[in-house]
Amino acid sequence: MKKVFKCLLAVGAVVGSIAGVLYFLDKKKSEDNFDDFDDAEFDDVFEEEEDDSRDYVTLDLEKEAEEQEEQ
């Protein structure tokens, strides 16, 4: 029984180590991808979409119902 437990413990440690290395490499790779992103381009996208003619939805349903009854 002790040998089985030790074997499972060793396999678990090896699998955990491999998972940790893969996680580290994945995070390192994803950080490199973020460096290519230009913040100025991101801001430009939203500046083009700005429009002052947006319609807003009221969150006060009771007040909205009263206004519709008045009209």
PDB file of N, CA and C in Angstrom:
ATOM      1  N   MET A   1       0.820  -1.191   0.000  1.00  0.00           N
ATOM      2  CA  MET A   1       0.000   0.000   0.000  1.00  0.00           C
ATOM      3  C   MET A   1       0.864   1.255   0.000  1.00  0.00           C
ATOM      4  N   LYS A   2       1.967   1.228   0.763  1.00  0.00           N
ATOM      5  CA  LYS A   2       2.853   2.384   0.809  1.00  0.00           C
ATOM      6  C   LYS A   2       3.490   2.637  -0.552  1.00  0.00           C
ATOM      7  N   LYS A   3       3.834   1.569  -1.263  1.00  0.00           N
ATOM      8  CA  LYS A   3       4.465   1.728  -2.566  1.00  0.00           C
ATOM      9  C   LYS A   3       3.493   2.352  -3.573  1.00  0.00           C
ATOM     10  N   VAL A   4       2.230   1.955  -3.512  1.00  0.00           N
ATOM     11  CA  VAL A   4       1.219   2.514  -4.416  1.00  0.00           C
ATOM     12  C   VAL A   4       1.039   3.996  -4.120  1.00  0.00           C
ATOM     13  N   PHE A   5       0.958   4.348  -2.839  1.00  0.00           N
ATOM     14  CA  PHE A   5       0.796   5.751  -2.449  1.00  0.00           C
ATOM     15  C   PHE A   5       1.992   6.582  -2.890  1.00  0.00           C
ATOM     16  N   LYS A   6       3.193   6.068  -2.708  1.00  0.00           N
ATOM     17  CA  LYS A   6       4.398   6.788  -3.124  1.00  0.00           C
ATOM     18  C   LYS A   6       4.438   6.946  -4.636  1.00  0.00           C
ATOM     19  N   CYS A   7       4.025   5.915  -5.356  1.00  0.00           N
ATOM     20  CA  CYS A   7       4.003   5.979  -6.822  1.00  0.00           C
ATOM     21  C   CYS A   7       2.999   7.044  -7.286  1.00  0.00           C
ATOM     22  N   LEU A   8       1.798   7.062  -6.687  1.00  0.00           N
ATOM     23  CA  LEU A   8       0.796   8.071  -7.039  1.00  0.00           C
ATOM     24  C   LEU A   8       1.272   9.474  -6.693  1.00  0.00           C
ATOM     25  N   LEU A   9       1.945   9.600  -5.590  1.00  0.00           N
ATOM     26  CA  LEU A   9       2.479  10.898  -5.183  1.00  0.00           C
ATOM     27  C   LEU A   9       3.541  11.381  -6.160  1.00  0.00           C
ATOM     28  N   ALA A  10       4.401  10.485  -6.603  1.00  0.00           N
ATOM     29  CA  ALA A  10       5.444  10.845  -7.563  1.00  0.00           C
ATOM     30  C   ALA A  10       4.837  11.226  -8.909  1.00  0.00           C
ATOM     31  N   VAL A  11       3.848  10.460  -9.365  1.00  0.00           N
ATOM     32  CA  VAL A  11       3.182  10.772 -10.638  1.00  0.00           C
ATOM     33  C   VAL A  11       2.474  12.124 -10.537  1.00  0.00           C
ATOM     34  N   GLY A  12       1.837  12.384  -9.417  1.00  0.00           N
ATOM     35  CA  GLY A  12       1.162  13.659  -9.202  1.00  0.00           C
ATOM     36  C   GLY A  12       2.134  14.826  -9.209  1.00  0.00           C
ATOM     37  N   ALA A  13       3.298  14.638  -8.620  1.00  0.00           N
ATOM     38  CA  ALA A  13       4.306  15.699  -8.598  1.00  0.00           C
ATOM     39  C   ALA A  13       4.831  15.972  -9.997  1.00  0.00           C
ATOM     40  N   VAL A  14       5.059  14.927 -10.775  1.00  0.00           N
ATOM     41  CA  VAL A  14       5.554  15.102 -12.148  1.00  0.00           C
ATOM     42  C   VAL A  14       4.498  15.804 -13.004  1.00  0.00           C
ATOM     43  N   VAL A  15       3.253  15.360 -12.901  1.00  0.00           N
ATOM     44  CA  VAL A  15       2.172  15.973 -13.676  1.00  0.00           C
ATOM     45  C   VAL A  15       1.984  17.428 -13.254  1.00  0.00           C
ATOM     46  N   GLY A  16       2.051  17.715 -11.975  1.00  0.00           N
ATOM     47  CA  GLY A  16       1.929  19.093 -11.493  1.00  0.00           C
ATOM     48  C   GLY A  16       3.050  19.979 -11.996  1.00  0.00           C
ATOM     49  N   SER A  17       4.252  19.442 -12.033  1.00  0.00           N
ATOM     50  CA  SER A  17       5.390  20.214 -12.542  1.00  0.00           C
ATOM     51  C   SER A  17       5.225  20.520 -14.022  1.00  0.00           C
ATOM     52  N   ILE A  18       4.798  19.528 -14.772  1.00  0.00           N
ATOM     53  CA  ILE A  18       4.587  19.745 -16.212  1.00  0.00           C
ATOM     54  C   ILE A  18       3.484  20.774 -16.437  1.00  0.00           C
ATOM     55  N   ALA A  19       2.405  20.684 -15.671  1.00  0.00           N
ATOM     56  CA  ALA A  19       1.307  21.645 -15.798  1.00  0.00           C
ATOM     57  C   ALA A  19       1.783  23.059 -15.453  1.00  0.00           C
ATOM     58  N   GLY A  20       2.607  23.191 -14.436  1.00  0.00           N
ATOM     59  CA  GLY A  20       3.141  24.497 -14.065  1.00  0.00           C
ATOM     60  C   GLY A  20       4.009  25.093 -15.147  1.00  0.00           C
ATOM     61  N   VAL A  21       4.842  24.289 -15.768  1.00  0.00           N
ATOM     62  CA  VAL A  21       5.710  24.772 -16.847  1.00  0.00           C
ATOM     63  C   VAL A  21       4.864  25.202 -18.045  1.00  0.00           C
ATOM     64  N   LEU A  22       3.866  24.395 -18.405  1.00  0.00           N
ATOM     65  CA  LEU A  22       3.000  24.749 -19.533  1.00  0.00           C
ATOM     66  C   LEU A  22       2.215  26.028 -19.256  1.00  0.00           C
ATOM     67  N   TYR A  23       1.744  26.195 -18.036  1.00  0.00           N
ATOM     68  CA  TYR A  23       1.034  27.412 -17.649  1.00  0.00           C
ATOM     69  C   TYR A  23       1.947  28.629 -17.760  1.00  0.00           C
ATOM     70  N   PHE A  24       3.168  28.509 -17.280  1.00  0.00           N
ATOM     71  CA  PHE A  24       4.127  29.606 -17.352  1.00  0.00           C
ATOM     72  C   PHE A  24       4.424  29.974 -18.802  1.00  0.00           C
ATOM     73  N   LEU A  25       4.640  28.972 -19.642  1.00  0.00           N
ATOM     74  CA  LEU A  25       4.937  29.250 -21.048  1.00  0.00           C
ATOM     75  C   LEU A  25       3.748  29.888 -21.762  1.00  0.00           C
ATOM     76  N   ASP A  26       2.541  29.470 -21.418  1.00  0.00           N
ATOM     77  CA  ASP A  26       1.343  30.054 -22.018  1.00  0.00           C
ATOM     78  C   ASP A  26       1.200  31.512 -21.615  1.00  0.00           C
ATOM     79  N   LYS A  27       1.415  31.810 -20.341  1.00  0.00           N
ATOM     80  CA  LYS A  27       1.328  33.198 -19.869  1.00  0.00           C
ATOM     81  C   LYS A  27       2.412  34.063 -20.511  1.00  0.00           C
ATOM     82  N   LYS A  28       3.595  33.529 -20.646  1.00  0.00           N
ATOM     83  CA  LYS A  28       4.697  34.266 -21.262  1.00  0.00           C
ATOM     84  C   LYS A  28       4.366  34.571 -22.722  1.00  0.00           C
ATOM     85  N   LYS A  29       3.779  33.619 -23.410  1.00  0.00           N
ATOM     86  CA  LYS A  29       3.415  33.814 -24.815  1.00  0.00           C
ATOM     87  C   LYS A  29       2.311  34.864 -24.945  1.00  0.00           C
ATOM     88  N   SER A  30       1.321  34.844 -24.051  1.00  0.00           N
ATOM     89  CA  SER A  30       0.226  35.796 -24.141  1.00  0.00           C
ATOM     90  C   SER A  30       0.689  37.214 -23.795  1.00  0.00           C
ATOM     91  N   GLU A  31       1.665  37.369 -22.914  1.00  0.00           N
ATOM     92  CA  GLU A  31       2.191  38.694 -22.594  1.00  0.00           C
ATOM     93  C   GLU A  31       2.909  39.285 -23.804  1.00  0.00           C
ATOM     94  N   ASP A  32       3.568  38.460 -24.575  1.00  0.00           N
ATOM     95  CA  ASP A  32       4.249  38.936 -25.777  1.00  0.00           C
ATOM     96  C   ASP A  32       3.254  39.440 -26.809  1.00  0.00           C
ATOM     97  N   ASN A  33       2.083  38.831 -26.896  1.00  0.00           N
ATOM     98  CA  ASN A  33       1.074  39.261 -27.853  1.00  0.00           C
ATOM     99  C   ASN A  33       0.501  40.618 -27.498  1.00  0.00           C
ATOM    100  N   PHE A  34       0.428  40.948 -26.214  1.00  0.00           N
ATOM    101  CA  PHE A  34      -0.120  42.225 -25.805  1.00  0.00           C
ATOM    102  C   PHE A  34       0.836  43.378 -26.118  1.00  0.00           C
ATOM    103  N   ASP A  35       2.109  43.108 -26.236  1.00  0.00           N
ATOM    104  CA  ASP A  35       3.056  44.168 -26.548  1.00  0.00           C
ATOM    105  C   ASP A  35       2.867  44.707 -27.955  1.00  0.00           C
ATOM    106  N   ASP A  36       2.317  43.900 -28.857  1.00  0.00           N
ATOM    107  CA  ASP A  36       2.114  44.330 -30.236  1.00  0.00           C
ATOM    108  C   ASP A  36       0.922  45.271 -30.374  1.00  0.00           C
ATOM    109  N   PHE A  37       0.065  45.333 -29.389  1.00  0.00           N
ATOM    110  CA  PHE A  37      -1.143  46.144 -29.456  1.00  0.00           C
ATOM    111  C   PHE A  37      -0.799  47.607 -29.202  1.00  0.00           C
ATOM    112  N   ASP A  38      -1.280  48.469 -30.060  1.00  0.00           N
ATOM    113  CA  ASP A  38      -1.002  49.896 -29.945  1.00  0.00           C
ATOM    114  C   ASP A  38      -2.190  50.589 -29.282  1.00  0.00           C
ATOM    115  N   ASP A  39      -1.956  51.240 -28.164  1.00  0.00           N
ATOM    116  CA  ASP A  39      -3.040  51.903 -27.447  1.00  0.00           C
ATOM    117  C   ASP A  39      -3.627  53.060 -28.249  1.00  0.00           C
ATOM    118  N   ALA A  40      -2.831  53.734 -29.048  1.00  0.00           N
ATOM    119  CA  ALA A  40      -3.328  54.851 -29.838  1.00  0.00           C
ATOM    120  C   ALA A  40      -4.363  54.365 -30.851  1.00  0.00           C
ATOM    121  N   GLU A  41      -4.140  53.214 -31.454  1.00  0.00           N
ATOM    122  CA  GLU A  41      -5.108  52.665 -32.399  1.00  0.00           C
ATOM    123  C   GLU A  41      -6.403  52.313 -31.681  1.00  0.00           C
ATOM    124  N   PHE A  42      -6.311  51.818 -30.470  1.00  0.00           N
ATOM    125  CA  PHE A  42      -7.495  51.461 -29.695  1.00  0.00           C
ATOM    126  C   PHE A  42      -8.337  52.700 -29.423  1.00  0.00           C
ATOM    127  N   ASP A  43      -7.704  53.798 -29.052  1.00  0.00           N
ATOM    128  CA  ASP A  43      -8.438  55.032 -28.783  1.00  0.00           C
ATOM    129  C   ASP A  43      -9.063  55.585 -30.057  1.00  0.00           C
ATOM    130  N   ASP A  44      -8.379  55.478 -31.176  1.00  0.00           N
ATOM    131  CA  ASP A  44      -8.897  55.986 -32.436  1.00  0.00           C
ATOM    132  C   ASP A  44     -10.181  55.281 -32.852  1.00  0.00           C
ATOM    133  N   VAL A  45     -10.297  54.020 -32.564  1.00  0.00           N
ATOM    134  CA  VAL A  45     -11.489  53.270 -32.943  1.00  0.00           C
ATOM    135  C   VAL A  45     -12.714  53.853 -32.255  1.00  0.00           C
ATOM    136  N   PHE A  46     -12.598  54.190 -30.987  1.00  0.00           N
ATOM    137  CA  PHE A  46     -13.746  54.710 -30.261  1.00  0.00           C
ATOM    138  C   PHE A  46     -14.000  56.178 -30.567  1.00  0.00           C
ATOM    139  N   GLU A  47     -13.000  56.917 -30.962  1.00  0.00           N
ATOM    140  CA  GLU A  47     -13.217  58.316 -31.334  1.00  0.00           C
ATOM    141  C   GLU A  47     -14.053  58.411 -32.600  1.00  0.00           C
ATOM    142  N   GLU A  48     -13.888  57.475 -33.504  1.00  0.00           N
ATOM    143  CA  GLU A  48     -14.655  57.494 -34.743  1.00  0.00           C
ATOM    144  C   GLU A  48     -16.123  57.174 -34.489  1.00  0.00           C
ATOM    145  N   GLU A  49     -16.399  56.409 -33.453  1.00  0.00           N
ATOM    146  CA  GLU A  49     -17.763  55.990 -33.189  1.00  0.00           C
ATOM    147  C   GLU A  49     -18.557  56.999 -32.380  1.00  0.00           C
ATOM    148  N   GLU A  50     -17.934  58.052 -31.893  1.00  0.00           N
ATOM    149  CA  GLU A  50     -18.642  59.014 -31.070  1.00  0.00           C
ATOM    150  C   GLU A  50     -19.714  59.708 -31.895  1.00  0.00           C
ATOM    151  N   ASP A  51     -20.918  59.753 -31.329  1.00  0.00           N
ATOM    152  CA  ASP A  51     -22.042  60.372 -32.014  1.00  0.00           C
ATOM    153  C   ASP A  51     -22.945  60.954 -30.944  1.00  0.00           C
ATOM    154  N   ASP A  52     -23.257  62.249 -31.068  1.00  0.00           N
ATOM    155  CA  ASP A  52     -24.075  62.906 -30.054  1.00  0.00           C
ATOM    156  C   ASP A  52     -25.559  62.656 -30.249  1.00  0.00           C
ATOM    157  N   SER A  53     -25.954  61.971 -31.284  1.00  0.00           N
ATOM    158  CA  SER A  53     -27.374  61.753 -31.552  1.00  0.00           C
ATOM    159  C   SER A  53     -27.855  60.405 -31.017  1.00  0.00           C
ATOM    160  N   ARG A  54     -27.265  59.944 -29.933  1.00  0.00           N
ATOM    161  CA  ARG A  54     -27.671  58.669 -29.344  1.00  0.00           C
ATOM    162  C   ARG A  54     -28.964  58.840 -28.568  1.00  0.00           C
ATOM    163  N   ASP A  55     -29.800  57.827 -28.593  1.00  0.00           N
ATOM    164  CA  ASP A  55     -31.011  57.813 -27.788  1.00  0.00           C
ATOM    165  C   ASP A  55     -30.710  57.065 -26.498  1.00  0.00           C
ATOM    166  N   TYR A  56     -31.197  57.600 -25.402  1.00  0.00           N
ATOM    167  CA  TYR A  56     -30.966  56.982 -24.110  1.00  0.00           C
ATOM    168  C   TYR A  56     -32.257  56.367 -23.599  1.00  0.00           C
ATOM    169  N   VAL A  57     -32.136  55.291 -22.868  1.00  0.00           N
ATOM    170  CA  VAL A  57     -33.273  54.589 -22.309  1.00  0.00           C
ATOM    171  C   VAL A  57     -33.372  54.960 -20.837  1.00  0.00           C
ATOM    172  N   THR A  58     -34.572  55.331 -20.411  1.00  0.00           N
ATOM    173  CA  THR A  58     -34.744  55.666 -18.998  1.00  0.00           C
ATOM    174  C   THR A  58     -34.848  54.395 -18.186  1.00  0.00           C
ATOM    175  N   LEU A  59     -34.350  54.431 -16.983  1.00  0.00           N
ATOM    176  CA  LEU A  59     -34.389  53.283 -16.101  1.00  0.00           C
ATOM    177  C   LEU A  59     -35.558  53.346 -15.130  1.00  0.00           C
ATOM    178  N   ASP A  60     -36.194  54.506 -15.033  1.00  0.00           N
ATOM    179  CA  ASP A  60     -37.334  54.661 -14.143  1.00  0.00           C
ATOM    180  C   ASP A  60     -38.600  54.329 -14.934  1.00  0.00           C
ATOM    181  N   LEU A  61     -39.087  53.107 -14.796  1.00  0.00           N
ATOM    182  CA  LEU A  61     -40.219  52.650 -15.589  1.00  0.00           C
ATOM    183  C   LEU A  61     -41.518  53.342 -15.206  1.00  0.00           C
ATOM    184  N   GLU A  62     -41.689  53.660 -13.937  1.00  0.00           N
ATOM    185  CA  GLU A  62     -42.918  54.332 -13.501  1.00  0.00           C
ATOM    186  C   GLU A  62     -43.004  55.726 -14.105  1.00  0.00           C
ATOM    187  N   LYS A  63     -41.915  56.449 -14.097  1.00  0.00           N
ATOM    188  CA  LYS A  63     -41.906  57.802 -14.651  1.00  0.00           C
ATOM    189  C   LYS A  63     -42.146  57.744 -16.163  1.00  0.00           C
ATOM    190  N   GLU A  64     -41.558  56.757 -16.820  1.00  0.00           N
ATOM    191  CA  GLU A  64     -41.729  56.609 -18.258  1.00  0.00           C
ATOM    192  C   GLU A  64     -43.196  56.290 -18.585  1.00  0.00           C
ATOM    193  N   ALA A  65     -43.846  55.466 -17.777  1.00  0.00           N
ATOM    194  CA  ALA A  65     -45.251  55.129 -18.000  1.00  0.00           C
ATOM    195  C   ALA A  65     -46.122  56.368 -17.815  1.00  0.00           C
ATOM    196  N   GLU A  66     -45.837  57.213 -16.845  1.00  0.00           N
ATOM    197  CA  GLU A  66     -46.592  58.444 -16.633  1.00  0.00           C
ATOM    198  C   GLU A  66     -46.432  59.390 -17.809  1.00  0.00           C
ATOM    199  N   GLU A  67     -45.222  59.489 -18.363  1.00  0.00           N
ATOM    200  CA  GLU A  67     -44.988  60.374 -19.486  1.00  0.00           C
ATOM    201  C   GLU A  67     -45.744  59.886 -20.727  1.00  0.00           C
ATOM    202  N   GLN A  68     -45.830  58.597 -20.908  1.00  0.00           N
ATOM    203  CA  GLN A  68     -46.538  58.049 -22.069  1.00  0.00           C
ATOM    204  C   GLN A  68     -48.043  58.274 -21.922  1.00  0.00           C
ATOM    205  N   GLU A  69     -48.572  58.209 -20.695  1.00  0.00           N
ATOM    206  CA  GLU A  69     -49.993  58.449 -20.461  1.00  0.00           C
ATOM    207  C   GLU A  69     -50.343  59.903 -20.741  1.00  0.00           C
ATOM    208  N   GLU A  70     -49.425  60.831 -20.449  1.00  0.00           N
ATOM    209  CA  GLU A  70     -49.666  62.242 -20.675  1.00  0.00           C
ATOM    210  C   GLU A  70     -49.723  62.567 -22.166  1.00  0.00           C
ATOM    211  N   GLN A  71     -49.032  61.831 -22.965  1.00  0.00           N
ATOM    212  CA  GLN A  71     -48.986  62.101 -24.411  1.00  0.00           C
ATOM    213  C   GLN A  71     -50.152  61.484 -25.048  1.00  0.00           C
TER     214      GLN A  71
END
